[in-house]
Amino acid sequence: DYKAIAGVAGPGAIQAPGIIPSMFLGALPQSSAVKQDLAKA
C-alpha cells in the first residue's frame, strides 16, 4: 500500500515511482508508479 507507506514519512513525502528521485532528469511521473493490487498479489 504505497500511499500508506509514504504516509509514514509525513506531509511532503511521496511514493517513489522509480528509483530515480522526482527532481532529477529521467524521473518517472507519479502516473507511472506501481499501484497496489491485492488480487494480483
Full PDB file with SEQRES, HELIX, SHEET, SSBOND, CRYST1, ORIGX, SCALE, CONECT and MASTER records, all heavy atoms in Angstrom:
SEQRES   1 A   41  ASP TYR LYS ALA ILE ALA GLY VAL ALA GLY PRO GLY ALA          
SEQRES   2 A   41  ILE GLN ALA PRO GLY ILE ILE PRO SER MET PHE LEU GLY          
SEQRES   3 A   41  ALA LEU PRO GLN SER SER ALA VAL LYS GLN ASP LEU ALA          
SEQRES   4 A   41  LYS ALA                                                      
HELIX    1 AA1 TYR A    2  GLY A    7  1                                   6    
HELIX    2 AA2 GLN A   30  SER A   32  5                                   3    
CRYST1    1.000    1.000    1.000  90.00  90.00  90.00 P 1           1          
ORIGX1      1.000000  0.000000  0.000000        0.00000                         
ORIGX2      0.000000  1.000000  0.000000        0.00000                         
ORIGX3      0.000000  0.000000  1.000000        0.00000                         
SCALE1      1.000000  0.000000  0.000000        0.00000                         
SCALE2      0.000000  1.000000  0.000000        0.00000                         
SCALE3      0.000000  0.000000  1.000000        0.00000                         
ATOM      1  N   ASP A   1       0.875  -1.178   0.000  1.00  0.00           N  
ATOM      2  CA  ASP A   1       0.000   0.000   0.000  1.00  0.00           C  
ATOM      3  C   ASP A   1       0.910   1.226   0.000  1.00  0.00           C  
ATOM      4  O   ASP A   1       1.292   1.747   1.051  1.00  0.00           O  
ATOM      5  CB  ASP A   1      -0.895  -0.021   1.243  1.00  0.00           C  
ATOM      6  CG  ASP A   1      -1.878   1.148   1.270  1.00  0.00           C  
ATOM      7  OD1 ASP A   1      -1.721   2.086   0.463  1.00  0.00           O  
ATOM      8  OD2 ASP A   1      -2.794   1.120   2.113  1.00  0.00           O  
ATOM      9  N   TYR A   2       1.289   1.653  -1.189  1.00  0.00           N  
ATOM     10  CA  TYR A   2       2.312   2.687  -1.331  1.00  0.00           C  
ATOM     11  C   TYR A   2       1.901   4.023  -0.712  1.00  0.00           C  
ATOM     12  O   TYR A   2       2.730   4.749  -0.159  1.00  0.00           O  
ATOM     13  CB  TYR A   2       2.671   2.860  -2.804  1.00  0.00           C  
ATOM     14  CG  TYR A   2       3.323   1.638  -3.407  1.00  0.00           C  
ATOM     15  CD1 TYR A   2       2.576   0.706  -4.116  1.00  0.00           C  
ATOM     16  CD2 TYR A   2       4.683   1.405  -3.244  1.00  0.00           C  
ATOM     17  CE1 TYR A   2       3.167  -0.428  -4.661  1.00  0.00           C  
ATOM     18  CE2 TYR A   2       5.292   0.272  -3.788  1.00  0.00           C  
ATOM     19  CZ  TYR A   2       4.524  -0.644  -4.493  1.00  0.00           C  
ATOM     20  OH  TYR A   2       5.113  -1.759  -5.017  1.00  0.00           O  
ATOM     21  N   LYS A   3       0.627   4.351  -0.792  1.00  0.00           N  
ATOM     22  CA  LYS A   3       0.154   5.609  -0.216  1.00  0.00           C  
ATOM     23  C   LYS A   3       0.329   5.593   1.294  1.00  0.00           C  
ATOM     24  O   LYS A   3       0.804   6.568   1.896  1.00  0.00           O  
ATOM     25  CB  LYS A   3      -1.311   5.837  -0.576  1.00  0.00           C  
ATOM     26  CG  LYS A   3      -1.864   7.170  -0.085  1.00  0.00           C  
ATOM     27  CD  LYS A   3      -3.302   7.381  -0.547  1.00  0.00           C  
ATOM     28  CE  LYS A   3      -3.849   8.715  -0.067  1.00  0.00           C  
ATOM     29  NZ  LYS A   3      -5.264   8.928  -0.518  1.00  0.00           N  
ATOM     30  N   ALA A   4      -0.044   4.480   1.935  1.00  0.00           N  
ATOM     31  CA  ALA A   4       0.117   4.367   3.384  1.00  0.00           C  
ATOM     32  C   ALA A   4       1.587   4.349   3.776  1.00  0.00           C  
ATOM     33  O   ALA A   4       1.976   4.900   4.811  1.00  0.00           O  
ATOM     34  CB  ALA A   4      -0.585   3.110   3.883  1.00  0.00           C  
ATOM     35  N   ILE A   5       2.411   3.715   2.961  1.00  0.00           N  
ATOM     36  CA  ILE A   5       3.847   3.664   3.242  1.00  0.00           C  
ATOM     37  C   ILE A   5       4.447   5.065   3.203  1.00  0.00           C  
ATOM     38  O   ILE A   5       5.232   5.451   4.076  1.00  0.00           O  
ATOM     39  CB  ILE A   5       4.553   2.722   2.249  1.00  0.00           C  
ATOM     40  CG1 ILE A   5       4.207   1.257   2.597  1.00  0.00           C  
ATOM     41  CG2 ILE A   5       6.066   2.923   2.281  1.00  0.00           C  
ATOM     42  CD1 ILE A   5       4.677   0.257   1.565  1.00  0.00           C  
ATOM     43  N   ALA A   6       4.068   5.864   2.197  1.00  0.00           N  
ATOM     44  CA  ALA A   6       4.559   7.241   2.127  1.00  0.00           C  
ATOM     45  C   ALA A   6       4.073   8.050   3.320  1.00  0.00           C  
ATOM     46  O   ALA A   6       4.759   8.971   3.786  1.00  0.00           O  
ATOM     47  CB  ALA A   6       4.109   7.896   0.821  1.00  0.00           C  
ATOM     48  N   GLY A   7       2.901   7.688   3.838  1.00  0.00           N  
ATOM     49  CA  GLY A   7       2.360   8.391   4.992  1.00  0.00           C  
ATOM     50  C   GLY A   7       3.211   8.264   6.236  1.00  0.00           C  
ATOM     51  O   GLY A   7       3.140   9.099   7.135  1.00  0.00           O  
ATOM     52  N   VAL A   8       4.040   7.213   6.305  1.00  0.00           N  
ATOM     53  CA  VAL A   8       4.942   7.039   7.446  1.00  0.00           C  
ATOM     54  C   VAL A   8       5.895   8.229   7.557  1.00  0.00           C  
ATOM     55  O   VAL A   8       6.318   8.610   8.647  1.00  0.00           O  
ATOM     56  CB  VAL A   8       5.746   5.721   7.294  1.00  0.00           C  
ATOM     57  CG1 VAL A   8       6.834   5.621   8.358  1.00  0.00           C  
ATOM     58  CG2 VAL A   8       4.811   4.521   7.375  1.00  0.00           C  
ATOM     59  N   ALA A   9       6.220   8.836   6.418  1.00  0.00           N  
ATOM     60  CA  ALA A   9       7.192   9.934   6.391  1.00  0.00           C  
ATOM     61  C   ALA A   9       6.566  11.295   6.644  1.00  0.00           C  
ATOM     62  O   ALA A   9       7.288  12.279   6.797  1.00  0.00           O  
ATOM     63  CB  ALA A   9       7.918   9.940   5.043  1.00  0.00           C  
ATOM     64  N   GLY A  10       5.235  11.382   6.645  1.00  0.00           N  
ATOM     65  CA  GLY A  10       4.580  12.644   6.930  1.00  0.00           C  
ATOM     66  C   GLY A  10       4.352  13.505   5.707  1.00  0.00           C  
ATOM     67  O   GLY A  10       4.704  13.134   4.581  1.00  0.00           O  
ATOM     68  N   PRO A  11       3.733  14.692   5.889  1.00  0.00           N  
ATOM     69  CA  PRO A  11       3.402  15.592   4.781  1.00  0.00           C  
ATOM     70  C   PRO A  11       4.632  15.959   3.955  1.00  0.00           C  
ATOM     71  O   PRO A  11       5.693  16.234   4.498  1.00  0.00           O  
ATOM     72  CB  PRO A  11       2.825  16.824   5.484  1.00  0.00           C  
ATOM     73  CG  PRO A  11       2.368  16.323   6.815  1.00  0.00           C  
ATOM     74  CD  PRO A  11       3.320  15.230   7.195  1.00  0.00           C  
ATOM     75  N   GLY A  12       4.463  15.954   2.644  1.00  0.00           N  
ATOM     76  CA  GLY A  12       5.564  16.292   1.742  1.00  0.00           C  
ATOM     77  C   GLY A  12       6.242  15.088   1.142  1.00  0.00           C  
ATOM     78  O   GLY A  12       6.911  15.201   0.112  1.00  0.00           O  
ATOM     79  N   ALA A  13       6.080  13.916   1.753  1.00  0.00           N  
ATOM     80  CA  ALA A  13       6.663  12.685   1.207  1.00  0.00           C  
ATOM     81  C   ALA A  13       5.795  12.173   0.069  1.00  0.00           C  
ATOM     82  O   ALA A  13       4.593  12.451   0.003  1.00  0.00           O  
ATOM     83  CB  ALA A  13       6.771  11.629   2.297  1.00  0.00           C  
ATOM     84  N   ILE A  14       6.404  11.433  -0.851  1.00  0.00           N  
ATOM     85  CA  ILE A  14       5.665  10.884  -1.988  1.00  0.00           C  
ATOM     86  C   ILE A  14       6.081   9.435  -2.217  1.00  0.00           C  
ATOM     87  O   ILE A  14       7.155   9.004  -1.783  1.00  0.00           O  
ATOM     88  CB  ILE A  14       5.924  11.680  -3.287  1.00  0.00           C  
ATOM     89  CG1 ILE A  14       7.411  11.637  -3.676  1.00  0.00           C  
ATOM     90  CG2 ILE A  14       5.422  13.116  -3.173  1.00  0.00           C  
ATOM     91  CD1 ILE A  14       7.707  12.185  -5.068  1.00  0.00           C  
ATOM     92  N   GLN A  15       5.221   8.684  -2.895  1.00  0.00           N  
ATOM     93  CA  GLN A  15       5.624   7.376  -3.395  1.00  0.00           C  
ATOM     94  C   GLN A  15       6.727   7.575  -4.423  1.00  0.00           C  
ATOM     95  O   GLN A  15       6.660   8.484  -5.252  1.00  0.00           O  
ATOM     96  CB  GLN A  15       4.453   6.647  -4.043  1.00  0.00           C  
ATOM     97  CG  GLN A  15       4.848   5.297  -4.656  1.00  0.00           C  
ATOM     98  CD  GLN A  15       3.719   4.603  -5.393  1.00  0.00           C  
ATOM     99  OE1 GLN A  15       2.565   5.036  -5.319  1.00  0.00           O  
ATOM    100  NE2 GLN A  15       4.030   3.539  -6.105  1.00  0.00           N  
ATOM    101  N   ALA A  16       7.737   6.749  -4.363  1.00  0.00           N  
ATOM    102  CA  ALA A  16       8.797   6.788  -5.372  1.00  0.00           C  
ATOM    103  C   ALA A  16       8.352   5.935  -6.553  1.00  0.00           C  
ATOM    104  O   ALA A  16       8.330   4.705  -6.445  1.00  0.00           O  
ATOM    105  CB  ALA A  16      10.104   6.262  -4.805  1.00  0.00           C  
ATOM    106  N   PRO A  17       8.003   6.537  -7.684  1.00  0.00           N  
ATOM    107  CA  PRO A  17       7.541   5.738  -8.823  1.00  0.00           C  
ATOM    108  C   PRO A  17       8.651   4.947  -9.501  1.00  0.00           C  
ATOM    109  O   PRO A  17       8.391   3.996 -10.222  1.00  0.00           O  
ATOM    110  CB  PRO A  17       6.951   6.788  -9.769  1.00  0.00           C  
ATOM    111  CG  PRO A  17       7.629   8.058  -9.403  1.00  0.00           C  
ATOM    112  CD  PRO A  17       7.912   7.973  -7.929  1.00  0.00           C  
ATOM    113  N   GLY A  18       9.875   5.352  -9.267  1.00  0.00           N  
ATOM    114  CA  GLY A  18      11.048   4.656  -9.791  1.00  0.00           C  
ATOM    115  C   GLY A  18      12.193   4.884  -8.840  1.00  0.00           C  
ATOM    116  O   GLY A  18      12.044   5.516  -7.791  1.00  0.00           O  
ATOM    117  N   ILE A  19      13.353   4.398  -9.193  1.00  0.00           N  
ATOM    118  CA  ILE A  19      14.493   4.508  -8.294  1.00  0.00           C  
ATOM    119  C   ILE A  19      15.173   5.875  -8.383  1.00  0.00           C  
ATOM    120  O   ILE A  19      15.943   6.265  -7.517  1.00  0.00           O  
ATOM    121  CB  ILE A  19      15.510   3.366  -8.589  1.00  0.00           C  
ATOM    122  CG1 ILE A  19      16.339   3.070  -7.336  1.00  0.00           C  
ATOM    123  CG2 ILE A  19      16.365   3.661  -9.802  1.00  0.00           C  
ATOM    124  CD1 ILE A  19      15.545   2.514  -6.188  1.00  0.00           C  
ATOM    125  N   ILE A  20      14.900   6.643  -9.447  1.00  0.00           N  
ATOM    126  CA  ILE A  20      15.476   7.981  -9.617  1.00  0.00           C  
ATOM    127  C   ILE A  20      14.570   9.015  -8.950  1.00  0.00           C  
ATOM    128  O   ILE A  20      13.362   9.040  -9.210  1.00  0.00           O  
ATOM    129  CB  ILE A  20      15.666   8.315 -11.112  1.00  0.00           C  
ATOM    130  CG1 ILE A  20      16.668   7.339 -11.746  1.00  0.00           C  
ATOM    131  CG2 ILE A  20      16.150   9.749 -11.295  1.00  0.00           C  
ATOM    132  CD1 ILE A  20      16.826   7.507 -13.251  1.00  0.00           C  
ATOM    133  N   PRO A  21      15.096   9.889  -8.084  1.00  0.00           N  
ATOM    134  CA  PRO A  21      14.271  10.873  -7.376  1.00  0.00           C  
ATOM    135  C   PRO A  21      13.527  11.811  -8.325  1.00  0.00           C  
ATOM    136  O   PRO A  21      13.980  12.093  -9.439  1.00  0.00           O  
ATOM    137  CB  PRO A  21      15.280  11.643  -6.529  1.00  0.00           C  
ATOM    138  CG  PRO A  21      16.449  10.749  -6.407  1.00  0.00           C  
ATOM    139  CD  PRO A  21      16.509   9.965  -7.676  1.00  0.00           C  
ATOM    140  N   SER A  22      12.402  12.312  -7.858  1.00  0.00           N  
ATOM    141  CA  SER A  22      11.471  13.082  -8.695  1.00  0.00           C  
ATOM    142  C   SER A  22      12.062  14.353  -9.271  1.00  0.00           C  
ATOM    143  O   SER A  22      11.600  14.834 -10.313  1.00  0.00           O  
ATOM    144  CB  SER A  22      10.237  13.443  -7.865  1.00  0.00           C  
ATOM    145  OG  SER A  22      10.607  14.173  -6.695  1.00  0.00           O  
ATOM    146  N   MET A  23      13.080  14.931  -8.626  1.00  0.00           N  
ATOM    147  CA  MET A  23      13.631  16.205  -9.105  1.00  0.00           C  
ATOM    148  C   MET A  23      14.795  16.026 -10.084  1.00  0.00           C  
ATOM    149  O   MET A  23      15.336  17.002 -10.595  1.00  0.00           O  
ATOM    150  CB  MET A  23      14.080  17.074  -7.920  1.00  0.00           C  
ATOM    151  CG  MET A  23      15.244  16.524  -7.124  1.00  0.00           C  
ATOM    152  SD  MET A  23      14.808  15.103  -6.085  1.00  0.00           S  
ATOM    153  CE  MET A  23      13.704  15.872  -4.897  1.00  0.00           C  
ATOM    154  N   PHE A  24      15.174  14.788 -10.386  1.00  0.00           N  
ATOM    155  CA  PHE A  24      16.295  14.534 -11.281  1.00  0.00           C  
ATOM    156  C   PHE A  24      15.808  14.288 -12.717  1.00  0.00           C  
ATOM    157  O   PHE A  24      14.676  13.827 -12.924  1.00  0.00           O  
ATOM    158  CB  PHE A  24      17.087  13.313 -10.827  1.00  0.00           C  
ATOM    159  CG  PHE A  24      17.908  13.523  -9.579  1.00  0.00           C  
ATOM    160  CD1 PHE A  24      17.846  14.706  -8.855  1.00  0.00           C  
ATOM    161  CD2 PHE A  24      18.755  12.523  -9.122  1.00  0.00           C  
ATOM    162  CE1 PHE A  24      18.601  14.888  -7.704  1.00  0.00           C  
ATOM    163  CE2 PHE A  24      19.507  12.691  -7.973  1.00  0.00           C  
ATOM    164  CZ  PHE A  24      19.424  13.872  -7.256  1.00  0.00           C  
ATOM    165  N   LEU A  25      16.671  14.564 -13.646  1.00  0.00           N  
ATOM    166  CA  LEU A  25      16.387  14.246 -15.041  1.00  0.00           C  
ATOM    167  C   LEU A  25      16.106  12.748 -15.167  1.00  0.00           C  
ATOM    168  O   LEU A  25      16.825  11.925 -14.607  1.00  0.00           O  
ATOM    169  CB  LEU A  25      17.590  14.618 -15.911  1.00  0.00           C  
ATOM    170  CG  LEU A  25      17.432  14.391 -17.429  1.00  0.00           C  
ATOM    171  CD1 LEU A  25      16.537  15.468 -18.025  1.00  0.00           C  
ATOM    172  CD2 LEU A  25      18.799  14.397 -18.106  1.00  0.00           C  
ATOM    173  N   GLY A  26      15.057  12.389 -15.905  1.00  0.00           N  
ATOM    174  CA  GLY A  26      14.753  10.987 -16.140  1.00  0.00           C  
ATOM    175  C   GLY A  26      13.851  10.352 -15.103  1.00  0.00           C  
ATOM    176  O   GLY A  26      13.562   9.151 -15.184  1.00  0.00           O  
ATOM    177  N   ALA A  27      13.391  11.129 -14.116  1.00  0.00           N  
ATOM    178  CA  ALA A  27      12.486  10.584 -13.104  1.00  0.00           C  
ATOM    179  C   ALA A  27      11.148  10.225 -13.742  1.00  0.00           C  
ATOM    180  O   ALA A  27      10.684  10.886 -14.678  1.00  0.00           O  
ATOM    181  CB  ALA A  27      12.272  11.600 -11.990  1.00  0.00           C  
ATOM    182  N   LEU A  28      10.517   9.188 -13.230  1.00  0.00           N  
ATOM    183  CA  LEU A  28       9.195   8.792 -13.706  1.00  0.00           C  
ATOM    184  C   LEU A  28       8.125   9.688 -13.095  1.00  0.00           C  
ATOM    185  O   LEU A  28       8.235  10.099 -11.931  1.00  0.00           O  
ATOM    186  CB  LEU A  28       8.892   7.341 -13.324  1.00  0.00           C  
ATOM    187  CG  LEU A  28       9.621   6.245 -14.104  1.00  0.00           C  
ATOM    188  CD1 LEU A  28       9.327   4.883 -13.474  1.00  0.00           C  
ATOM    189  CD2 LEU A  28       9.213   6.248 -15.564  1.00  0.00           C  
ATOM    190  N   PRO A  29       7.072   9.995 -13.832  1.00  0.00           N  
ATOM    191  CA  PRO A  29       5.953  10.741 -13.243  1.00  0.00           C  
ATOM    192  C   PRO A  29       5.167   9.854 -12.289  1.00  0.00           C  
ATOM    193  O   PRO A  29       5.264   8.626 -12.339  1.00  0.00           O  
ATOM    194  CB  PRO A  29       5.108  11.121 -14.473  1.00  0.00           C  
ATOM    195  CG  PRO A  29       5.397  10.040 -15.467  1.00  0.00           C  
ATOM    196  CD  PRO A  29       6.840   9.670 -15.261  1.00  0.00           C  
ATOM    197  N   GLN A  30       4.393  10.476 -11.417  1.00  0.00           N  
ATOM    198  CA  GLN A  30       3.587   9.717 -10.465  1.00  0.00           C  
ATOM    199  C   GLN A  30       2.608   8.777 -11.171  1.00  0.00           C  
ATOM    200  O   GLN A  30       2.250   7.722 -10.643  1.00  0.00           O  
ATOM    201  CB  GLN A  30       2.828  10.668  -9.541  1.00  0.00           C  
ATOM    202  CG  GLN A  30       3.694  11.301  -8.465  1.00  0.00           C  
ATOM    203  CD  GLN A  30       4.161  10.304  -7.413  1.00  0.00           C  
ATOM    204  OE1 GLN A  30       3.357   9.576  -6.829  1.00  0.00           O  
ATOM    205  NE2 GLN A  30       5.462  10.270  -7.171  1.00  0.00           N  
ATOM    206  N   SER A  31       2.202   9.145 -12.373  1.00  0.00           N  
ATOM    207  CA  SER A  31       1.256   8.302 -13.119  1.00  0.00           C  
ATOM    208  C   SER A  31       1.852   6.947 -13.491  1.00  0.00           C  
ATOM    209  O   SER A  31       1.122   6.005 -13.807  1.00  0.00           O  
ATOM    210  CB  SER A  31       0.796   9.025 -14.387  1.00  0.00           C  
ATOM    211  OG  SER A  31       1.908   9.341 -15.217  1.00  0.00           O  
ATOM    212  N   SER A  32       3.178   6.836 -13.467  1.00  0.00           N  
ATOM    213  CA  SER A  32       3.841   5.573 -13.806  1.00  0.00           C  
ATOM    214  C   SER A  32       4.105   4.700 -12.587  1.00  0.00           C  
ATOM    215  O   SER A  32       4.654   3.600 -12.719  1.00  0.00           O  
ATOM    216  CB  SER A  32       5.178   5.860 -14.511  1.00  0.00           C  
ATOM    217  OG  SER A  32       4.977   6.503 -15.754  1.00  0.00           O  
ATOM    218  N   ALA A  33       3.731   5.173 -11.405  1.00  0.00           N  
ATOM    219  CA  ALA A  33       4.011   4.427 -10.187  1.00  0.00           C  
ATOM    220  C   ALA A  33       3.199   3.135 -10.137  1.00  0.00           C  
ATOM    221  O   ALA A  33       2.068   3.061 -10.626  1.00  0.00           O  
ATOM    222  CB  ALA A  33       3.693   5.292  -8.970  1.00  0.00           C  
ATOM    223  N   VAL A  34       3.780   2.114  -9.526  1.00  0.00           N  
ATOM    224  CA  VAL A  34       3.087   0.836  -9.324  1.00  0.00           C  
ATOM    225  C   VAL A  34       1.932   1.049  -8.347  1.00  0.00           C  
ATOM    226  O   VAL A  34       2.067   1.751  -7.347  1.00  0.00           O  
ATOM    227  CB  VAL A  34       4.050  -0.229  -8.775  1.00  0.00           C  
ATOM    228  CG1 VAL A  34       3.312  -1.524  -8.468  1.00  0.00           C  
ATOM    229  CG2 VAL A  34       5.191  -0.471  -9.759  1.00  0.00           C  
ATOM    230  N   LYS A  35       0.785   0.454  -8.637  1.00  0.00           N  
ATOM    231  CA  LYS A  35      -0.393   0.582  -7.778  1.00  0.00           C  
ATOM    232  C   LYS A  35      -0.644  -0.733  -7.038  1.00  0.00           C  
ATOM    233  O   LYS A  35      -0.407  -1.820  -7.572  1.00  0.00           O  
ATOM    234  CB  LYS A  35      -1.627   0.946  -8.605  1.00  0.00           C  
ATOM    235  CG  LYS A  35      -1.478   2.192  -9.472  1.00  0.00           C  
ATOM    236  CD  LYS A  35      -1.291   3.438  -8.639  1.00  0.00           C  
ATOM    237  CE  LYS A  35      -1.404   4.701  -9.496  1.00  0.00           C  
ATOM    238  NZ  LYS A  35      -0.376   4.817 -10.539  1.00  0.00           N  
ATOM    239  N   GLN A  36      -1.127  -0.622  -5.819  1.00  0.00           N  
ATOM    240  CA  GLN A  36      -1.475  -1.820  -5.047  1.00  0.00           C  
ATOM    241  C   GLN A  36      -2.607  -2.586  -5.724  1.00  0.00           C  
ATOM    242  O   GLN A  36      -3.581  -1.998  -6.196  1.00  0.00           O  
ATOM    243  CB  GLN A  36      -1.895  -1.447  -3.629  1.00  0.00           C  
ATOM    244  CG  GLN A  36      -2.178  -2.656  -2.743  1.00  0.00           C  
ATOM    245  CD  GLN A  36      -2.696  -2.268  -1.373  1.00  0.00           C  
ATOM    246  OE1 GLN A  36      -3.443  -1.285  -1.247  1.00  0.00           O  
ATOM    247  NE2 GLN A  36      -2.308  -3.015  -0.347  1.00  0.00           N  
ATOM    248  N   ASP A  37      -2.460  -3.895  -5.809  1.00  0.00           N  
ATOM    249  CA  ASP A  37      -3.490  -4.768  -6.376  1.00  0.00           C  
ATOM    250  C   ASP A  37      -3.447  -6.075  -5.592  1.00  0.00           C  
ATOM    251  O   ASP A  37      -2.688  -6.994  -5.905  1.00  0.00           O  
ATOM    252  CB  ASP A  37      -3.234  -5.012  -7.868  1.00  0.00           C  
ATOM    253  CG  ASP A  37      -4.385  -5.723  -8.565  1.00  0.00           C  
ATOM    254  OD1 ASP A  37      -5.031  -6.569  -7.908  1.00  0.00           O  
ATOM    255  OD2 ASP A  37      -4.620  -5.443  -9.757  1.00  0.00           O  
ATOM    256  N   LEU A  38      -4.274  -6.158  -4.552  1.00  0.00           N  
ATOM    257  CA  LEU A  38      -4.219  -7.320  -3.660  1.00  0.00           C  
ATOM    258  C   LEU A  38      -4.593  -8.623  -4.357  1.00  0.00           C  
ATOM    259  O   LEU A  38      -4.061  -9.686  -4.017  1.00  0.00           O  
ATOM    260  CB  LEU A  38      -5.137  -7.089  -2.455  1.00  0.00           C  
ATOM    261  CG  LEU A  38      -4.571  -6.166  -1.371  1.00  0.00           C  
ATOM    262  CD1 LEU A  38      -5.597  -5.932  -0.276  1.00  0.00           C  
ATOM    263  CD2 LEU A  38      -3.285  -6.746  -0.784  1.00  0.00           C  
ATOM    264  N   ALA A  39      -5.486  -8.550  -5.350  1.00  0.00           N  
ATOM    265  CA  ALA A  39      -5.856  -9.768  -6.078  1.00  0.00           C  
ATOM    266  C   ALA A  39      -4.642 -10.341  -6.805  1.00  0.00           C  
ATOM    267  O   ALA A  39      -4.373 -11.553  -6.747  1.00  0.00           O  
ATOM    268  CB  ALA A  39      -6.978  -9.464  -7.065  1.00  0.00           C  
ATOM    269  N   LYS A  40      -3.879  -9.471  -7.484  1.00  0.00           N  
ATOM    270  CA  LYS A  40      -2.667  -9.921  -8.175  1.00  0.00           C  
ATOM    271  C   LYS A  40      -1.638 -10.440  -7.167  1.00  0.00           C  
ATOM    272  O   LYS A  40      -0.961 -11.443  -7.416  1.00  0.00           O  
ATOM    273  CB  LYS A  40      -2.061  -8.771  -8.982  1.00  0.00           C  
ATOM    274  CG  LYS A  40      -2.795  -8.423 -10.274  1.00  0.00           C  
ATOM    275  CD  LYS A  40      -2.031  -7.348 -11.025  1.00  0.00           C  
ATOM    276  CE  LYS A  40      -2.726  -6.980 -12.339  1.00  0.00           C  
ATOM    277  NZ  LYS A  40      -2.001  -5.904 -13.068  1.00  0.00           N  
ATOM    278  N   ALA A  41      -1.530  -9.749  -6.046  1.00  0.00           N  
ATOM    279  CA  ALA A  41      -0.549 -10.139  -5.039  1.00  0.00           C  
ATOM    280  C   ALA A  41      -0.861 -11.525  -4.486  1.00  0.00           C  
ATOM    281  O   ALA A  41       0.023 -12.396  -4.396  1.00  0.00           O  
ATOM    282  CB  ALA A  41      -0.510  -9.112  -3.921  1.00  0.00           C  
TER     283      ALA A  41                                                      
MASTER        0    0    0    2    0    0    0    6  282    1    0    4          
END                                                                             
